[in-house]
PDB file of N, CA and C in Angstrom:
ATOM      1  N   MET A   1      31.589 -24.364  52.058  1.00  0.00           N
ATOM      2  CA  MET A   1      32.243 -24.010  53.309  1.00  0.00           C
ATOM      3  C   MET A   1      30.977 -23.805  54.515  1.00  0.00           C
ATOM      4  N   GLU A   2      31.220 -24.660  55.472  1.00  0.00           N
ATOM      5  CA  GLU A   2      30.350 -24.824  56.210  1.00  0.00           C
ATOM      6  C   GLU A   2      30.047 -23.453  57.459  1.00  0.00           C
ATOM      7  N   ARG A   3      29.210 -22.929  58.043  1.00  0.00           N
ATOM      8  CA  ARG A   3      28.411 -21.869  58.821  1.00  0.00           C
ATOM      9  C   ARG A   3      29.399 -22.157  59.734  1.00  0.00           C
ATOM     10  N   VAL A   4      29.990 -21.512  60.423  1.00  0.00           N
ATOM     11  CA  VAL A   4      31.450 -21.095  61.482  1.00  0.00           C
ATOM     12  C   VAL A   4      31.329 -20.118  62.502  1.00  0.00           C
ATOM     13  N   TYR A   5      30.968 -19.773  63.471  1.00  0.00           N
ATOM     14  CA  TYR A   5      30.645 -18.399  64.471  1.00  0.00           C
ATOM     15  C   TYR A   5      31.972 -17.939  64.850  1.00  0.00           C
ATOM     16  N   LEU A   6      32.058 -16.122  64.570  1.00  0.00           N
ATOM     17  CA  LEU A   6      33.470 -15.936  65.008  1.00  0.00           C
ATOM     18  C   LEU A   6      34.058 -16.384  66.026  1.00  0.00           C
ATOM     19  N   LYS A   7      32.725 -16.602  66.573  1.00  0.00           N
ATOM     20  CA  LYS A   7      33.632 -16.523  68.417  1.00  0.00           C
ATOM     21  C   LYS A   7      34.528 -18.196  68.658  1.00  0.00           C
ATOM     22  N   LYS A   8      33.940 -18.721  67.962  1.00  0.00           N
ATOM     23  CA  LYS A   8      34.898 -20.655  68.119  1.00  0.00           C
ATOM     24  C   LYS A   8      36.119 -20.347  67.686  1.00  0.00           C
ATOM     25  N   ILE A   9      36.109 -19.342  66.211  1.00  0.00           N
ATOM     26  CA  ILE A   9      37.306 -19.042  65.500  1.00  0.00           C
ATOM     27  C   ILE A   9      39.006 -18.228  66.241  1.00  0.00           C
ATOM     28  N   ILE A  10      37.822 -17.221  67.225  1.00  0.00           N
ATOM     29  CA  ILE A  10      38.771 -16.357  67.406  1.00  0.00           C
ATOM     30  C   ILE A  10      40.122 -16.733  67.974  1.00  0.00           C
ATOM     31  N   ASN A  11      41.378 -16.602  68.313  1.00  0.00           N
ATOM     32  CA  ASN A  11      42.009 -17.220  69.573  1.00  0.00           C
ATOM     33  C   ASN A  11      42.592 -18.692  68.358  1.00  0.00           C
ATOM     34  N   LYS A  12      42.310 -19.369  67.307  1.00  0.00           N
ATOM     35  CA  LYS A  12      42.779 -20.011  66.856  1.00  0.00           C
ATOM     36  C   LYS A  12      44.328 -20.146  66.010  1.00  0.00           C
ATOM     37  N   LYS A  13      44.876 -20.773  66.231  1.00  0.00           N
ATOM     38  CA  LYS A  13      46.555 -21.099  65.544  1.00  0.00           C
ATOM     39  C   LYS A  13      45.741 -20.849  64.147  1.00  0.00           C
ATOM     40  N   VAL A  14      46.769 -20.441  63.175  1.00  0.00           N
ATOM     41  CA  VAL A  14      46.852 -20.583  61.998  1.00  0.00           C
ATOM     42  C   VAL A  14      47.986 -21.173  61.542  1.00  0.00           C
ATOM     43  N   MET A  15      47.819 -21.513  60.917  1.00  0.00           N
ATOM     44  CA  MET A  15      48.931 -22.266  59.865  1.00  0.00           C
ATOM     45  C   MET A  15      48.848 -22.003  58.432  1.00  0.00           C
ATOM     46  N   GLY A  16      49.707 -22.027  57.278  1.00  0.00           N
ATOM     47  CA  GLY A  16      50.056 -22.331  56.142  1.00  0.00           C
ATOM     48  C   GLY A  16      49.610 -23.363  55.330  1.00  0.00           C
ATOM     49  N   ASN A  17      49.436 -23.639  54.241  1.00  0.00           N
ATOM     50  CA  ASN A  17      49.286 -24.936  54.004  1.00  0.00           C
ATOM     51  C   ASN A  17      51.026 -25.603  53.530  1.00  0.00           C
ATOM     52  N   ASP A  18      51.641 -25.012  53.670  1.00  0.00           N
ATOM     53  CA  ASP A  18      53.197 -25.622  53.652  1.00  0.00           C
ATOM     54  C   ASP A  18      53.346 -26.050  54.235  1.00  0.00           C
ATOM     55  N   GLY A  19      52.481 -26.371  55.933  1.00  0.00           N
ATOM     56  CA  GLY A  19      52.797 -26.508  57.232  1.00  0.00           C
ATOM     57  C   GLY A  19      53.645 -25.069  58.036  1.00  0.00           C
ATOM     58  N   SER A  20      53.486 -24.143  58.070  1.00  0.00           N
ATOM     59  CA  SER A  20      54.146 -23.257  58.598  1.00  0.00           C
ATOM     60  C   SER A  20      53.307 -22.273  59.618  1.00  0.00           C
ATOM     61  N   GLU A  21      54.076 -22.546  60.757  1.00  0.00           N
ATOM     62  CA  GLU A  21      52.855 -21.952  61.535  1.00  0.00           C
ATOM     63  C   GLU A  21      52.278 -20.090  61.309  1.00  0.00           C
ATOM     64  N   ILE A  22      51.720 -19.923  61.683  1.00  0.00           N
ATOM     65  CA  ILE A  22      51.538 -18.167  61.153  1.00  0.00           C
ATOM     66  C   ILE A  22      51.571 -17.519  62.490  1.00  0.00           C
ATOM     67  N   GLY A  23      50.461 -17.977  63.100  1.00  0.00           N
ATOM     68  CA  GLY A  23      50.051 -17.228  64.516  1.00  0.00           C
ATOM     69  C   GLY A  23      49.123 -17.115  65.067  1.00  0.00           C
ATOM     70  N   THR A  24      48.368 -16.319  65.366  1.00  0.00           N
ATOM     71  CA  THR A  24      46.533 -16.768  66.027  1.00  0.00           C
ATOM     72  C   THR A  24      45.746 -15.751  65.639  1.00  0.00           C
ATOM     73  N   LEU A  25      44.558 -16.100  64.999  1.00  0.00           N
ATOM     74  CA  LEU A  25      43.324 -15.152  64.520  1.00  0.00           C
ATOM     75  C   LEU A  25      43.297 -14.281  65.569  1.00  0.00           C
ATOM     76  N   LYS A  26      42.435 -13.143  65.632  1.00  0.00           N
ATOM     77  CA  LYS A  26      42.520 -12.076  66.931  1.00  0.00           C
ATOM     78  C   LYS A  26      41.426 -11.323  66.118  1.00  0.00           C
ATOM     79  N   ASN A  27      40.969 -11.246  65.356  1.00  0.00           N
ATOM     80  CA  ASN A  27      40.250 -10.661  64.612  1.00  0.00           C
ATOM     81  C   ASN A  27      39.552 -10.542  62.844  1.00  0.00           C
ATOM     82  N   VAL A  28      38.783  -9.945  62.308  1.00  0.00           N
ATOM     83  CA  VAL A  28      38.216 -10.481  60.927  1.00  0.00           C
ATOM     84  C   VAL A  28      37.885  -8.982  60.642  1.00  0.00           C
ATOM     85  N   THR A  29      37.738  -8.603  59.114  1.00  0.00           N
ATOM     86  CA  THR A  29      37.874  -7.213  59.030  1.00  0.00           C
ATOM     87  C   THR A  29      36.265  -7.990  57.814  1.00  0.00           C
ATOM     88  N   ALA A  30      35.386  -6.443  57.633  1.00  0.00           N
ATOM     89  CA  ALA A  30      34.477  -6.790  57.019  1.00  0.00           C
ATOM     90  C   ALA A  30      34.384  -5.451  55.601  1.00  0.00           C
ATOM     91  N   GLU A  31      33.381  -5.859  54.752  1.00  0.00           N
ATOM     92  CA  GLU A  31      33.108  -4.664  53.775  1.00  0.00           C
ATOM     93  C   GLU A  31      32.196  -3.982  54.069  1.00  0.00           C
ATOM     94  N   LEU A  32      31.730  -3.124  54.899  1.00  0.00           N
ATOM     95  CA  LEU A  32      30.440  -2.715  55.234  1.00  0.00           C
ATOM     96  C   LEU A  32      29.296  -2.340  54.192  1.00  0.00           C
ATOM     97  N   GLU A  33      29.635  -1.937  52.705  1.00  0.00           N
ATOM     98  CA  GLU A  33      28.746  -2.459  52.024  1.00  0.00           C
ATOM     99  C   GLU A  33      27.624  -3.399  51.779  1.00  0.00           C
ATOM    100  N   THR A  34      28.476  -4.368  51.729  1.00  0.00           N
ATOM    101  CA  THR A  34      28.256  -5.731  51.520  1.00  0.00           C
ATOM    102  C   THR A  34      28.103  -7.216  52.066  1.00  0.00           C
ATOM    103  N   GLY A  35      28.791  -6.370  53.576  1.00  0.00           N
ATOM    104  CA  GLY A  35      28.371  -7.689  54.668  1.00  0.00           C
ATOM    105  C   GLY A  35      29.865  -8.785  54.545  1.00  0.00           C
ATOM    106  N   ASP A  36      30.605  -8.552  53.105  1.00  0.00           N
ATOM    107  CA  ASP A  36      31.421  -9.771  53.113  1.00  0.00           C
ATOM    108  C   ASP A  36      32.598 -10.097  53.908  1.00  0.00           C
ATOM    109  N   LEU A  37      33.163 -10.984  54.376  1.00  0.00           N
ATOM    110  CA  LEU A  37      34.398 -10.847  55.560  1.00  0.00           C
ATOM    111  C   LEU A  37      35.590 -10.451  54.153  1.00  0.00           C
ATOM    112  N   SER A  38      36.304  -9.770  53.939  1.00  0.00           N
ATOM    113  CA  SER A  38      37.477  -9.415  53.795  1.00  0.00           C
ATOM    114  C   SER A  38      39.034 -10.198  53.811  1.00  0.00           C
ATOM    115  N   GLU A  39      39.155  -9.981  55.616  1.00  0.00           N
ATOM    116  CA  GLU A  39      40.719  -9.887  55.912  1.00  0.00           C
ATOM    117  C   GLU A  39      40.599 -10.436  56.910  1.00  0.00           C
ATOM    118  N   MET A  40      41.680 -11.958  57.599  1.00  0.00           N
ATOM    119  CA  MET A  40      41.297 -12.501  59.381  1.00  0.00           C
ATOM    120  C   MET A  40      42.386 -11.092  59.382  1.00  0.00           C
ATOM    121  N   VAL A  41      42.558 -10.921  60.762  1.00  0.00           N
ATOM    122  CA  VAL A  41      43.918 -10.199  61.305  1.00  0.00           C
ATOM    123  C   VAL A  41      44.534 -11.035  61.996  1.00  0.00           C
ATOM    124  N   VAL A  42      45.800 -11.321  62.106  1.00  0.00           N
ATOM    125  CA  VAL A  42      46.574 -12.483  62.781  1.00  0.00           C
ATOM    126  C   VAL A  42      47.634 -11.865  63.201  1.00  0.00           C
ATOM    127  N   HIS A  43      47.973 -12.410  64.623  1.00  0.00           N
ATOM    128  CA  HIS A  43      48.695 -11.809  65.126  1.00  0.00           C
ATOM    129  C   HIS A  43      49.598 -12.745  65.360  1.00  0.00           C
ATOM    130  N   LEU A  44      51.357 -11.919  64.761  1.00  0.00           N
ATOM    131  CA  LEU A  44      52.133 -13.325  64.481  1.00  0.00           C
ATOM    132  C   LEU A  44      52.866 -14.157  65.712  1.00  0.00           C
ATOM    133  N   ASN A  45      52.937 -15.114  65.861  1.00  0.00           N
ATOM    134  CA  ASN A  45      54.191 -15.399  67.365  1.00  0.00           C
ATOM    135  C   ASN A  45      55.184 -15.466  67.258  1.00  0.00           C
ATOM    136  N   GLU A  46      56.123 -15.103  68.443  1.00  0.00           N
ATOM    137  CA  GLU A  46      56.874 -14.555  68.310  1.00  0.00           C
ATOM    138  C   GLU A  46      58.416 -14.540  67.932  1.00  0.00           C
ATOM    139  N   ASN A  47      58.255 -16.430  67.603  1.00  0.00           N
ATOM    140  CA  ASN A  47      58.923 -17.548  67.482  1.00  0.00           C
ATOM    141  C   ASN A  47      58.505 -18.345  66.635  1.00  0.00           C
ATOM    142  N   SER A  48      57.576 -17.872  65.850  1.00  0.00           N
ATOM    143  CA  SER A  48      57.180 -18.787  64.744  1.00  0.00           C
ATOM    144  C   SER A  48      58.242 -18.072  63.262  1.00  0.00           C
ATOM    145  N   SER A  49      57.874 -19.018  62.268  1.00  0.00           N
ATOM    146  CA  SER A  49      57.949 -18.986  61.331  1.00  0.00           C
ATOM    147  C   SER A  49      57.697 -17.988  60.276  1.00  0.00           C
ATOM    148  N   GLY A  50      56.395 -18.180  60.447  1.00  0.00           N
ATOM    149  CA  GLY A  50      55.671 -16.732  60.238  1.00  0.00           C
ATOM    150  C   GLY A  50      56.226 -15.108  60.657  1.00  0.00           C
ATOM    151  N   GLN A  51      57.190 -15.105  61.674  1.00  0.00           N
ATOM    152  CA  GLN A  51      57.305 -14.076  62.485  1.00  0.00           C
ATOM    153  C   GLN A  51      58.487 -13.754  60.926  1.00  0.00           C
ATOM    154  N   ARG A  52      59.082 -14.410  60.452  1.00  0.00           N
ATOM    155  CA  ARG A  52      60.548 -13.923  59.300  1.00  0.00           C
ATOM    156  C   ARG A  52      59.939 -13.607  57.687  1.00  0.00           C
ATOM    157  N   ARG A  53      58.707 -14.209  57.672  1.00  0.00           N
ATOM    158  CA  ARG A  53      58.300 -15.144  56.622  1.00  0.00           C
ATOM    159  C   ARG A  53      57.256 -13.935  55.256  1.00  0.00           C
ATOM    160  N   TYR A  54      56.641 -13.288  56.423  1.00  0.00           N
ATOM    161  CA  TYR A  54      55.353 -12.096  56.549  1.00  0.00           C
ATOM    162  C   TYR A  54      56.420 -11.176  57.095  1.00  0.00           C
ATOM    163  N   ARG A  55      55.893  -9.789  56.418  1.00  0.00           N
ATOM    164  CA  ARG A  55      56.164  -8.664  56.657  1.00  0.00           C
ATOM    165  C   ARG A  55      54.520  -7.703  58.096  1.00  0.00           C
ATOM    166  N   ALA A  56      54.974  -8.079  58.561  1.00  0.00           N
ATOM    167  CA  ALA A  56      53.437  -7.491  60.239  1.00  0.00           C
ATOM    168  C   ALA A  56      54.009  -6.015  60.155  1.00  0.00           C
ATOM    169  N   GLU A  57      52.328  -5.834  60.567  1.00  0.00           N
ATOM    170  CA  GLU A  57      52.247  -4.190  60.909  1.00  0.00           C
ATOM    171  C   GLU A  57      51.666  -4.344  62.522  1.00  0.00           C
ATOM    172  N   GLY A  58      52.373  -4.528  63.465  1.00  0.00           N
ATOM    173  CA  GLY A  58      52.358  -3.791  64.557  1.00  0.00           C
ATOM    174  C   GLY A  58      52.271  -4.722  65.290  1.00  0.00           C
ATOM    175  N   GLY A  59      53.338  -5.947  64.784  1.00  0.00           N
ATOM    176  CA  GLY A  59      53.369  -7.732  64.675  1.00  0.00           C
ATOM    177  C   GLY A  59      51.694  -8.459  64.592  1.00  0.00           C
ATOM    178  N   TYR A  60      50.998  -7.463  63.768  1.00  0.00           N
ATOM    179  CA  TYR A  60      49.496  -8.372  62.731  1.00  0.00           C
ATOM    180  C   TYR A  60      49.977  -8.296  61.853  1.00  0.00           C
ATOM    181  N   ILE A  61      49.666  -9.214  60.716  1.00  0.00           N
ATOM    182  CA  ILE A  61      49.145  -8.993  59.194  1.00  0.00           C
ATOM    183  C   ILE A  61      47.588  -9.658  58.893  1.00  0.00           C
ATOM    184  N   TYR A  62      47.493  -9.043  57.444  1.00  0.00           N
ATOM    185  CA  TYR A  62      46.167  -9.616  57.173  1.00  0.00           C
ATOM    186  C   TYR A  62      46.100 -10.319  55.915  1.00  0.00           C
ATOM    187  N   ILE A  63      45.730 -11.327  55.918  1.00  0.00           N
ATOM    188  CA  ILE A  63      45.420 -12.352  55.095  1.00  0.00           C
ATOM    189  C   ILE A  63      43.985 -12.545  54.752  1.00  0.00           C
ATOM    190  N   PRO A  64      43.765 -12.229  53.630  1.00  0.00           N
ATOM    191  CA  PRO A  64      42.519 -12.336  52.622  1.00  0.00           C
ATOM    192  C   PRO A  64      41.803 -13.798  52.613  1.00  0.00           C
ATOM    193  N   PHE A  65      40.220 -13.499  52.981  1.00  0.00           N
ATOM    194  CA  PHE A  65      39.393 -14.315  52.970  1.00  0.00           C
ATOM    195  C   PHE A  65      39.548 -15.922  52.177  1.00  0.00           C
ATOM    196  N   SER A  66      40.114 -15.237  50.486  1.00  0.00           N
ATOM    197  CA  SER A  66      40.020 -15.901  49.607  1.00  0.00           C
ATOM    198  C   SER A  66      41.268 -16.652  49.934  1.00  0.00           C
ATOM    199  N   SER A  67      41.906 -16.553  50.684  1.00  0.00           N
ATOM    200  CA  SER A  67      43.749 -17.488  51.180  1.00  0.00           C
ATOM    201  C   SER A  67      42.807 -19.088  51.937  1.00  0.00           C
ATOM    202  N   LEU A  68      41.991 -19.027  52.740  1.00  0.00           N
ATOM    203  CA  LEU A  68      41.328 -20.319  53.620  1.00  0.00           C
ATOM    204  C   LEU A  68      40.751 -21.005  53.058  1.00  0.00           C
ATOM    205  N   ARG A  69      41.873 -21.921  53.559  1.00  0.00           N
ATOM    206  CA  ARG A  69      41.263 -23.295  53.003  1.00  0.00           C
ATOM    207  C   ARG A  69      40.854 -24.425  54.062  1.00  0.00           C
ATOM    208  N   SER A  70      40.812 -24.203  55.193  1.00  0.00           N
ATOM    209  CA  SER A  70      40.226 -25.212  55.665  1.00  0.00           C
ATOM    210  C   SER A  70      40.043 -24.730  57.088  1.00  0.00           C
ATOM    211  N   ILE A  71      39.148 -24.725  58.021  1.00  0.00           N
ATOM    212  CA  ILE A  71      38.977 -24.249  59.746  1.00  0.00           C
ATOM    213  C   ILE A  71      38.643 -25.804  60.051  1.00  0.00           C
ATOM    214  N   ARG A  72      39.570 -26.524  61.105  1.00  0.00           N
ATOM    215  CA  ARG A  72      39.289 -27.450  61.882  1.00  0.00           C
ATOM    216  C   ARG A  72      40.058 -27.471  63.521  1.00  0.00           C
ATOM    217  N   ASP A  73      40.863 -28.165  63.193  1.00  0.00           N
ATOM    218  CA  ASP A  73      42.191 -27.847  64.788  1.00  0.00           C
ATOM    219  C   ASP A  73      42.662 -26.807  64.409  1.00  0.00           C
ATOM    220  N   TYR A  74      42.618 -26.263  63.312  1.00  0.00           N
ATOM    221  CA  TYR A  74      43.513 -25.188  62.800  1.00  0.00           C
ATOM    222  C   TYR A  74      42.553 -24.274  61.681  1.00  0.00           C
ATOM    223  N   ILE A  75      42.916 -23.113  61.794  1.00  0.00           N
ATOM    224  CA  ILE A  75      42.644 -22.647  60.359  1.00  0.00           C
ATOM    225  C   ILE A  75      44.352 -22.257  59.819  1.00  0.00           C
ATOM    226  N   VAL A  76      43.813 -22.464  58.380  1.00  0.00           N
ATOM    227  CA  VAL A  76      44.802 -23.209  57.414  1.00  0.00           C
ATOM    228  C   VAL A  76      44.404 -22.146  56.442  1.00  0.00           C
ATOM    229  N   VAL A  77      45.480 -21.615  56.097  1.00  0.00           N
ATOM    230  CA  VAL A  77      45.520 -21.118  54.451  1.00  0.00           C
ATOM    231  C   VAL A  77      46.374 -20.931  53.165  1.00  0.00           C
ATOM    232  N   ASP A  78      46.148 -20.689  51.904  1.00  0.00           N
ATOM    233  CA  ASP A  78      46.559 -20.986  51.368  1.00  0.00           C
ATOM    234  C   ASP A  78      48.154 -19.724  51.284  1.00  0.00           C
ATOM    235  N   VAL A  79      49.575 -19.934  51.657  1.00  0.00           N
ATOM    236  CA  VAL A  79      50.472 -19.124  51.512  1.00  0.00           C
ATOM    237  C   VAL A  79      50.970 -18.850  49.952  1.00  0.00           C
ATOM    238  N   ARG A  80      50.459 -19.174  49.133  1.00  0.00           N
ATOM    239  CA  ARG A  80      50.929 -18.774  47.805  1.00  0.00           C
ATOM    240  C   ARG A  80      49.925 -17.128  47.411  1.00  0.00           C
ATOM    241  N   SER A  81      48.686 -17.545  47.903  1.00  0.00           N
ATOM    242  CA  SER A  81      48.050 -16.430  47.757  1.00  0.00           C
ATOM    243  C   SER A  81      47.968 -15.195  48.639  1.00  0.00           C
ATOM    244  N   MET A  82      48.674 -15.303  50.029  1.00  0.00           N
ATOM    245  CA  MET A  82      49.051 -14.455  50.491  1.00  0.00           C
ATOM    246  C   MET A  82      49.407 -12.877  49.876  1.00  0.00           C
TER     247      MET A  82
END
């Protein structure tokens, strides 16, 4: 995967690979010891299918980076691995 800067993807829409709209990327978490990115912090849209489908903590869900499939106009994640 090519290098992508965080400031370029914050506030991008997050979609499932099944076409579902999940929410908007707001932050990421990292492992302090290794520097590896671990999770995407996604704010669920109020009217999106993601609001009904995924359990949220205060309106946010944490999606593992291993679920990431592509970053283009949208961030696409594999919903089966979430």
